Amino acid sequence: MALRCSSSALGASTFGKGKQVRRGAVATLVFRGIQFPPFVASGKYSELEKRLATTEQSLAEAEQRRMEAEERADKEARLARWRVLAGTILTCGLLFLLQWALFGPGAAAALGSRPPA
């Protein structure tokens, strides 16, 4: 058993019986009689590249969905603030009209409030 290291910075490294392995694992235990997986031994990364591409695409789609959801949440929060403000103004206006209708313009004097002398 021997410990062999291959680095992505070194590119392809050769060990074993002259087999070339490209950017495999960072550290690989080499046993006699055990072969490398086909994608490592042949130097073909098409399957891994496809997986990487689909993963990157799904991450980009997830980021896009997150941004859209955040924009919707911001819009809903802004509308909620405007509804609260409009409701407050409307309530104050209705209370003023109700007071005017029930008590009239002289209601303050009738309740015992006197103007300053």
Protein backbone atom coordinates (compact mmCIF):
# COMPACT_ATOMS: atom_id res chain seq x y z
CA MET A 1 0.00 0.00 0.00
CA ALA A 2 1.29 3.44 -0.88
CA LEU A 3 -0.09 6.91 -0.43
CA ARG A 4 -0.04 8.97 -3.59
CA CYS A 5 -1.14 12.56 -3.89
CA SER A 6 -2.33 14.32 -6.99
CA SER A 7 -3.08 18.01 -7.03
CA SER A 8 -5.24 19.99 -9.40
CA ALA A 9 -2.42 22.50 -9.58
CA LEU A 10 -0.12 19.80 -10.97
CA GLY A 11 -2.61 18.74 -13.63
CA ALA A 12 -2.02 15.12 -14.59
CA SER A 13 0.16 12.88 -12.49
CA THR A 14 1.49 9.44 -13.23
CA PHE A 15 1.76 6.61 -10.73
CA GLY A 16 1.16 2.91 -10.51
CA LYS A 17 2.07 1.08 -13.72
CA GLY A 18 2.33 4.17 -15.89
CA LYS A 19 -1.39 4.97 -15.84
CA GLN A 20 -2.10 8.64 -16.08
CA VAL A 21 -4.71 10.00 -13.71
CA ARG A 22 -5.93 13.54 -14.15
CA ARG A 23 -6.96 15.59 -11.16
CA GLY A 24 -8.42 12.73 -9.21
CA ALA A 25 -8.67 12.75 -5.47
CA VAL A 26 -6.33 14.87 -3.45
CA ALA A 27 -4.97 11.82 -1.72
CA THR A 28 -5.44 8.33 -3.14
CA LEU A 29 -4.54 5.02 -1.57
CA VAL A 30 -3.18 2.74 -4.26
CA PHE A 31 -3.59 -0.99 -3.75
CA ARG A 32 -2.22 -3.57 -6.10
CA GLY A 33 -5.01 -5.13 -8.17
CA ILE A 34 -7.56 -2.34 -7.62
CA GLN A 35 -8.36 -0.27 -10.66
CA PHE A 36 -9.44 3.33 -10.73
CA PRO A 37 -13.00 4.21 -11.65
CA PRO A 38 -13.47 4.49 -15.42
CA PHE A 39 -13.90 8.27 -15.47
CA VAL A 40 -10.59 8.73 -13.62
CA ALA A 41 -8.60 6.10 -15.51
CA SER A 42 -9.72 7.26 -18.95
CA GLY A 43 -9.41 10.96 -18.19
CA LYS A 44 -13.01 11.59 -19.27
CA TYR A 45 -15.02 13.87 -17.09
CA SER A 46 -18.13 14.22 -19.20
CA GLU A 47 -20.44 12.67 -16.61
CA LEU A 48 -18.99 14.78 -13.82
CA GLU A 49 -19.10 17.88 -16.00
CA LYS A 50 -22.77 17.19 -16.78
CA ARG A 51 -23.51 16.80 -13.09
CA LEU A 52 -21.62 19.98 -12.34
CA ALA A 53 -23.49 21.87 -15.07
CA THR A 54 -26.89 20.67 -13.84
CA THR A 55 -25.93 21.51 -10.25
CA GLU A 56 -24.81 24.99 -11.23
CA GLN A 57 -27.99 25.48 -13.25
CA SER A 58 -30.19 24.36 -10.37
CA LEU A 59 -28.30 26.67 -8.00
CA ALA A 60 -28.80 29.59 -10.39
CA GLU A 61 -32.51 28.78 -10.68
CA ALA A 62 -32.82 28.57 -6.89
CA GLU A 63 -31.08 31.93 -6.54
CA GLN A 64 -33.44 33.44 -9.13
CA ARG A 65 -36.49 32.04 -7.29
CA ARG A 66 -35.15 33.39 -3.99
CA MET A 67 -34.67 36.86 -5.47
CA GLU A 68 -38.19 36.84 -6.96
CA ALA A 69 -39.69 35.72 -3.65
CA GLU A 70 -37.78 38.46 -1.83
CA GLU A 71 -39.09 41.07 -4.28
CA ARG A 72 -42.66 39.82 -3.80
CA ALA A 73 -42.28 39.94 -0.02
CA ASP A 74 -40.94 43.51 -0.18
CA LYS A 75 -43.83 44.57 -2.39
CA GLU A 76 -46.38 42.98 -0.06
CA ALA A 77 -44.78 44.64 2.98
CA ARG A 78 -44.85 48.03 1.26
CA LEU A 79 -48.53 47.60 0.36
CA ALA A 80 -49.32 46.54 3.93
CA ARG A 81 -47.70 49.71 5.29
CA TRP A 82 -49.76 51.84 2.89
CA ARG A 83 -52.95 50.01 3.94
CA VAL A 84 -52.22 50.67 7.60
CA LEU A 85 -51.61 54.36 6.92
CA ALA A 86 -54.77 54.68 4.82
CA GLY A 87 -56.81 52.85 7.46
CA THR A 88 -55.52 55.13 10.20
CA ILE A 89 -56.34 58.28 8.23
CA LEU A 90 -59.78 56.94 7.32
CA THR A 91 -60.53 55.97 10.93
CA CYS A 92 -59.51 59.40 12.25
CA GLY A 93 -61.65 61.10 9.60
CA LEU A 94 -64.68 58.97 10.40
CA LEU A 95 -64.30 59.59 14.13
CA PHE A 96 -64.10 63.33 13.50
CA LEU A 97 -67.28 63.21 11.37
CA LEU A 98 -69.06 61.09 14.00
CA GLN A 99 -68.12 63.54 16.75
CA TRP A 100 -69.30 66.45 14.60
CA ALA A 101 -72.59 64.70 13.80
CA LEU A 102 -73.36 63.64 17.39
CA PHE A 103 -72.15 66.62 19.33
CA GLY A 104 -72.12 69.46 16.80
CA PRO A 105 -69.78 72.43 16.71
CA GLY A 106 -70.50 73.45 20.31
CA ALA A 107 -69.73 70.03 21.80
CA ALA A 108 -66.56 71.19 23.49
CA ALA A 109 -68.40 73.95 25.37
CA ALA A 110 -71.21 71.60 26.34
CA LEU A 111 -68.77 69.11 27.86
CA GLY A 112 -67.38 71.69 30.22
CA SER A 113 -64.37 72.84 28.32
CA ARG A 114 -64.03 76.61 28.48
CA PRO A 115 -61.88 78.76 26.24
CA PRO A 116 -58.97 80.46 27.98
CA ALA A 117 -59.76 83.92 29.26
